[in-house]
Amino acid sequence: MDDKNLQLLNLLRANARESTAVLARKLNLSRTAVHERINKLEAAGIIRGYTLKLNEEYASRLVTAQVMIEINPKLSKQVTNSLSRIDQVQSLYTVNGQYDLIALIRAESTQQLDEVIDKIGEIDGIEKTMSSIVLSTKFER
């Protein structure tokens, strides 16, 4: 990974919809060179996809929570599959310690958040949960 690819990844992280012409100017490369670099990064699996960032006004209205989850290890795959089908579960991490997983939840309201947490608690293989509501986001990348 050379410096130009690192710079390219940082630019795409900031705005994945940036045109190759603008990226090329910022990187002092040709559009063709930028396009080829992006294709190679995708082919190598370094870039797996592109995502969107919500505007701050809308995102600030969402209720975000971290839900720590203790599971039955024999049902780990089933639990993961069930959680992946809940739209409000934005990400899921395995962790060490008392809990096995941490789910990041984004909901439209505290009522919806409560419903999602109840739904999570009903999944076979989930033995215990503990939730923390995020009060503010200092920064996010």
C-alpha atoms as a PDB file:
ATOM      1  CA  MET A   1       0.000   0.000   0.000  1.00  0.00           C
ATOM      2  CA  ASP A   2       1.699   3.181  -1.148  1.00  0.00           C
ATOM      3  CA  ASP A   3       1.083   6.747   0.041  1.00  0.00           C
ATOM      4  CA  LYS A   4      -1.211   7.595  -2.899  1.00  0.00           C
ATOM      5  CA  ASN A   5      -3.463   4.626  -2.124  1.00  0.00           C
ATOM      6  CA  LEU A   6      -3.601   5.659   1.539  1.00  0.00           C
ATOM      7  CA  GLN A   7      -4.488   9.215   0.517  1.00  0.00           C
ATOM      8  CA  LEU A   8      -7.108   7.853  -1.896  1.00  0.00           C
ATOM      9  CA  LEU A   9      -8.688   5.721   0.848  1.00  0.00           C
ATOM     10  CA  ASN A  10      -8.830   8.735   3.173  1.00  0.00           C
ATOM     11  CA  LEU A  11     -10.480  10.854   0.484  1.00  0.00           C
ATOM     12  CA  LEU A  12     -13.030   8.115  -0.250  1.00  0.00           C
ATOM     13  CA  ARG A  13     -13.679   7.667   3.477  1.00  0.00           C
ATOM     14  CA  ALA A  14     -14.507  11.385   3.679  1.00  0.00           C
ATOM     15  CA  ASN A  15     -16.703  11.304   0.552  1.00  0.00           C
ATOM     16  CA  ALA A  16     -17.167   8.034  -1.319  1.00  0.00           C
ATOM     17  CA  ARG A  17     -19.148   9.844  -4.049  1.00  0.00           C
ATOM     18  CA  GLU A  18     -16.281  12.154  -4.973  1.00  0.00           C
ATOM     19  CA  SER A  19     -15.727  12.060  -8.725  1.00  0.00           C
ATOM     20  CA  THR A  20     -12.548  10.525 -10.105  1.00  0.00           C
ATOM     21  CA  ALA A  21     -11.745  13.892 -11.690  1.00  0.00           C
ATOM     22  CA  VAL A  22     -11.795  15.632  -8.293  1.00  0.00           C
ATOM     23  CA  LEU A  23      -9.874  12.766  -6.676  1.00  0.00           C
ATOM     24  CA  ALA A  24      -7.297  12.939  -9.462  1.00  0.00           C
ATOM     25  CA  ARG A  25      -6.771  16.689  -8.896  1.00  0.00           C
ATOM     26  CA  LYS A  26      -6.400  16.202  -5.144  1.00  0.00           C
ATOM     27  CA  LEU A  27      -3.922  13.344  -5.640  1.00  0.00           C
ATOM     28  CA  ASN A  28      -2.080  14.938  -8.583  1.00  0.00           C
ATOM     29  CA  LEU A  29      -2.812  11.862 -10.732  1.00  0.00           C
ATOM     30  CA  SER A  30      -4.717  11.276 -13.948  1.00  0.00           C
ATOM     31  CA  ARG A  31      -8.369  10.202 -13.818  1.00  0.00           C
ATOM     32  CA  THR A  32      -7.367   6.908 -15.431  1.00  0.00           C
ATOM     33  CA  ALA A  33      -4.732   6.285 -12.749  1.00  0.00           C
ATOM     34  CA  VAL A  34      -7.257   6.977  -9.970  1.00  0.00           C
ATOM     35  CA  HIS A  35      -9.829   4.716 -11.620  1.00  0.00           C
ATOM     36  CA  GLU A  36      -7.244   1.916 -11.937  1.00  0.00           C
ATOM     37  CA  ARG A  37      -6.188   2.319  -8.304  1.00  0.00           C
ATOM     38  CA  ILE A  38      -9.818   2.105  -7.138  1.00  0.00           C
ATOM     39  CA  ASN A  39     -10.372  -1.011  -9.276  1.00  0.00           C
ATOM     40  CA  LYS A  40      -7.238  -2.663  -7.852  1.00  0.00           C
ATOM     41  CA  LEU A  41      -8.240  -1.805  -4.277  1.00  0.00           C
ATOM     42  CA  GLU A  42     -11.687  -3.294  -4.913  1.00  0.00           C
ATOM     43  CA  ALA A  43     -10.221  -6.427  -6.565  1.00  0.00           C
ATOM     44  CA  ALA A  44      -7.856  -6.910  -3.623  1.00  0.00           C
ATOM     45  CA  GLY A  45     -10.798  -6.687  -1.229  1.00  0.00           C
ATOM     46  CA  ILE A  46      -9.417  -3.594   0.492  1.00  0.00           C
ATOM     47  CA  ILE A  47     -12.467  -1.621  -0.645  1.00  0.00           C
ATOM     48  CA  ARG A  48     -15.469  -3.871  -0.019  1.00  0.00           C
ATOM     49  CA  GLY A  49     -18.194  -1.357  -0.682  1.00  0.00           C
ATOM     50  CA  TYR A  50     -19.407   2.151  -0.257  1.00  0.00           C
ATOM     51  CA  THR A  51     -21.730   3.547   2.359  1.00  0.00           C
ATOM     52  CA  LEU A  52     -23.575   6.690   3.196  1.00  0.00           C
ATOM     53  CA  LYS A  53     -23.233   9.192   5.989  1.00  0.00           C
ATOM     54  CA  LEU A  54     -26.380  10.693   7.425  1.00  0.00           C
ATOM     55  CA  ASN A  55     -26.496  14.430   7.818  1.00  0.00           C
ATOM     56  CA  GLU A  56     -25.887  15.555  11.379  1.00  0.00           C
ATOM     57  CA  GLU A  57     -29.380  16.966  11.889  1.00  0.00           C
ATOM     58  CA  TYR A  58     -31.086  13.665  11.014  1.00  0.00           C
ATOM     59  CA  ALA A  59     -28.487  11.520  12.791  1.00  0.00           C
ATOM     60  CA  SER A  60     -28.837  13.591  15.965  1.00  0.00           C
ATOM     61  CA  ARG A  61     -32.537  12.690  16.115  1.00  0.00           C
ATOM     62  CA  LEU A  62     -31.746   8.958  16.142  1.00  0.00           C
ATOM     63  CA  VAL A  63     -31.365   7.143  19.438  1.00  0.00           C
ATOM     64  CA  THR A  64     -28.149   5.131  19.526  1.00  0.00           C
ATOM     65  CA  ALA A  65     -27.408   2.382  21.998  1.00  0.00           C
ATOM     66  CA  GLN A  66     -24.754  -0.216  22.628  1.00  0.00           C
ATOM     67  CA  VAL A  67     -26.235  -3.546  23.626  1.00  0.00           C
ATOM     68  CA  MET A  68     -23.848  -5.986  25.265  1.00  0.00           C
ATOM     69  CA  ILE A  69     -24.983  -9.557  24.703  1.00  0.00           C
ATOM     70  CA  GLU A  70     -24.130 -12.792  26.473  1.00  0.00           C
ATOM     71  CA  ILE A  71     -24.864 -15.838  24.328  1.00  0.00           C
ATOM     72  CA  ASN A  72     -24.887 -19.604  24.429  1.00  0.00           C
ATOM     73  CA  PRO A  73     -21.705 -20.372  22.423  1.00  0.00           C
ATOM     74  CA  LYS A  74     -23.373 -23.367  20.743  1.00  0.00           C
ATOM     75  CA  LEU A  75     -25.898 -21.021  19.138  1.00  0.00           C
ATOM     76  CA  SER A  76     -23.445 -18.314  18.082  1.00  0.00           C
ATOM     77  CA  LYS A  77     -24.125 -18.577  14.326  1.00  0.00           C
ATOM     78  CA  GLN A  78     -27.892 -18.578  14.835  1.00  0.00           C
ATOM     79  CA  VAL A  79     -27.678 -15.523  17.082  1.00  0.00           C
ATOM     80  CA  THR A  80     -25.488 -13.669  14.582  1.00  0.00           C
ATOM     81  CA  ASN A  81     -27.845 -14.521  11.707  1.00  0.00           C
ATOM     82  CA  SER A  82     -30.890 -13.409  13.701  1.00  0.00           C
ATOM     83  CA  LEU A  83     -29.251 -10.119  14.688  1.00  0.00           C
ATOM     84  CA  SER A  84     -28.205  -9.433  11.084  1.00  0.00           C
ATOM     85  CA  ARG A  85     -31.896  -9.480  10.073  1.00  0.00           C
ATOM     86  CA  ILE A  86     -32.809  -6.630  12.458  1.00  0.00           C
ATOM     87  CA  ASP A  87     -32.510  -3.407  10.451  1.00  0.00           C
ATOM     88  CA  GLN A  88     -31.739  -1.231  13.458  1.00  0.00           C
ATOM     89  CA  VAL A  89     -28.654  -3.310  14.325  1.00  0.00           C
ATOM     90  CA  GLN A  90     -25.979  -1.261  12.561  1.00  0.00           C
ATOM     91  CA  SER A  91     -22.961  -3.349  13.560  1.00  0.00           C
ATOM     92  CA  LEU A  92     -22.074  -6.352  15.660  1.00  0.00           C
ATOM     93  CA  TYR A  93     -18.736  -7.014  17.346  1.00  0.00           C
ATOM     94  CA  THR A  94     -17.340 -10.000  19.204  1.00  0.00           C
ATOM     95  CA  VAL A  95     -15.599  -8.997  22.415  1.00  0.00           C
ATOM     96  CA  ASN A  96     -13.850 -10.608  25.346  1.00  0.00           C
ATOM     97  CA  GLY A  97     -15.024 -10.421  28.927  1.00  0.00           C
ATOM     98  CA  GLN A  98     -18.374 -11.140  30.523  1.00  0.00           C
ATOM     99  CA  TYR A  99     -20.303 -10.394  27.314  1.00  0.00           C
ATOM    100  CA  ASP A 100     -19.689 -12.063  23.972  1.00  0.00           C
ATOM    101  CA  LEU A 101     -21.083  -9.484  21.543  1.00  0.00           C
ATOM    102  CA  ILE A 102     -21.750  -5.764  21.342  1.00  0.00           C
ATOM    103  CA  ALA A 103     -24.477  -4.592  18.977  1.00  0.00           C
ATOM    104  CA  LEU A 104     -24.701  -0.958  17.905  1.00  0.00           C
ATOM    105  CA  ILE A 105     -28.370  -0.021  17.513  1.00  0.00           C
ATOM    106  CA  ARG A 106     -29.850   3.080  15.854  1.00  0.00           C
ATOM    107  CA  ALA A 107     -33.564   3.680  16.287  1.00  0.00           C
ATOM    108  CA  GLU A 108     -36.042   6.439  15.431  1.00  0.00           C
ATOM    109  CA  SER A 109     -37.251   6.761  19.042  1.00  0.00           C
ATOM    110  CA  THR A 110     -36.770   5.366  22.526  1.00  0.00           C
ATOM    111  CA  GLN A 111     -39.958   3.362  21.995  1.00  0.00           C
ATOM    112  CA  GLN A 112     -38.514   1.744  18.866  1.00  0.00           C
ATOM    113  CA  LEU A 113     -35.229   1.164  20.690  1.00  0.00           C
ATOM    114  CA  ASP A 114     -37.126  -0.584  23.494  1.00  0.00           C
ATOM    115  CA  GLU A 115     -38.924  -2.781  20.941  1.00  0.00           C
ATOM    116  CA  VAL A 116     -35.626  -3.700  19.268  1.00  0.00           C
ATOM    117  CA  ILE A 117     -33.992  -4.583  22.595  1.00  0.00           C
ATOM    118  CA  ASP A 118     -37.023  -6.753  23.447  1.00  0.00           C
ATOM    119  CA  LYS A 119     -36.721  -8.449  20.045  1.00  0.00           C
ATOM    120  CA  ILE A 120     -33.032  -9.104  20.698  1.00  0.00           C
ATOM    121  CA  GLY A 121     -33.823 -10.609  24.097  1.00  0.00           C
ATOM    122  CA  GLU A 122     -36.261 -13.061  22.485  1.00  0.00           C
ATOM    123  CA  ILE A 123     -33.629 -14.587  20.169  1.00  0.00           C
ATOM    124  CA  ASP A 124     -32.789 -18.201  21.001  1.00  0.00           C
ATOM    125  CA  GLY A 125     -29.255 -18.384  22.341  1.00  0.00           C
ATOM    126  CA  ILE A 126     -29.212 -14.941  23.926  1.00  0.00           C
ATOM    127  CA  GLU A 127     -28.904 -15.367  27.655  1.00  0.00           C
ATOM    128  CA  LYS A 128     -28.433 -11.804  28.907  1.00  0.00           C
ATOM    129  CA  THR A 129     -28.207  -8.237  27.610  1.00  0.00           C
ATOM    130  CA  MET A 130     -27.138  -4.913  29.039  1.00  0.00           C
ATOM    131  CA  SER A 131     -27.823  -1.662  27.190  1.00  0.00           C
ATOM    132  CA  SER A 132     -26.255   1.784  27.272  1.00  0.00           C
ATOM    133  CA  ILE A 133     -27.806   4.692  25.414  1.00  0.00           C
ATOM    134  CA  VAL A 134     -25.297   7.004  23.711  1.00  0.00           C
ATOM    135  CA  LEU A 135     -25.813  10.567  24.926  1.00  0.00           C
ATOM    136  CA  SER A 136     -23.631  12.300  22.336  1.00  0.00           C
ATOM    137  CA  THR A 137     -21.124  11.522  19.614  1.00  0.00           C
ATOM    138  CA  LYS A 138     -17.844  13.377  19.887  1.00  0.00           C
ATOM    139  CA  PHE A 139     -16.639  12.195  16.472  1.00  0.00           C
ATOM    140  CA  GLU A 140     -17.230   9.360  14.043  1.00  0.00           C
ATOM    141  CA  ARG A 141     -15.186   8.171  11.084  1.00  0.00           C
END
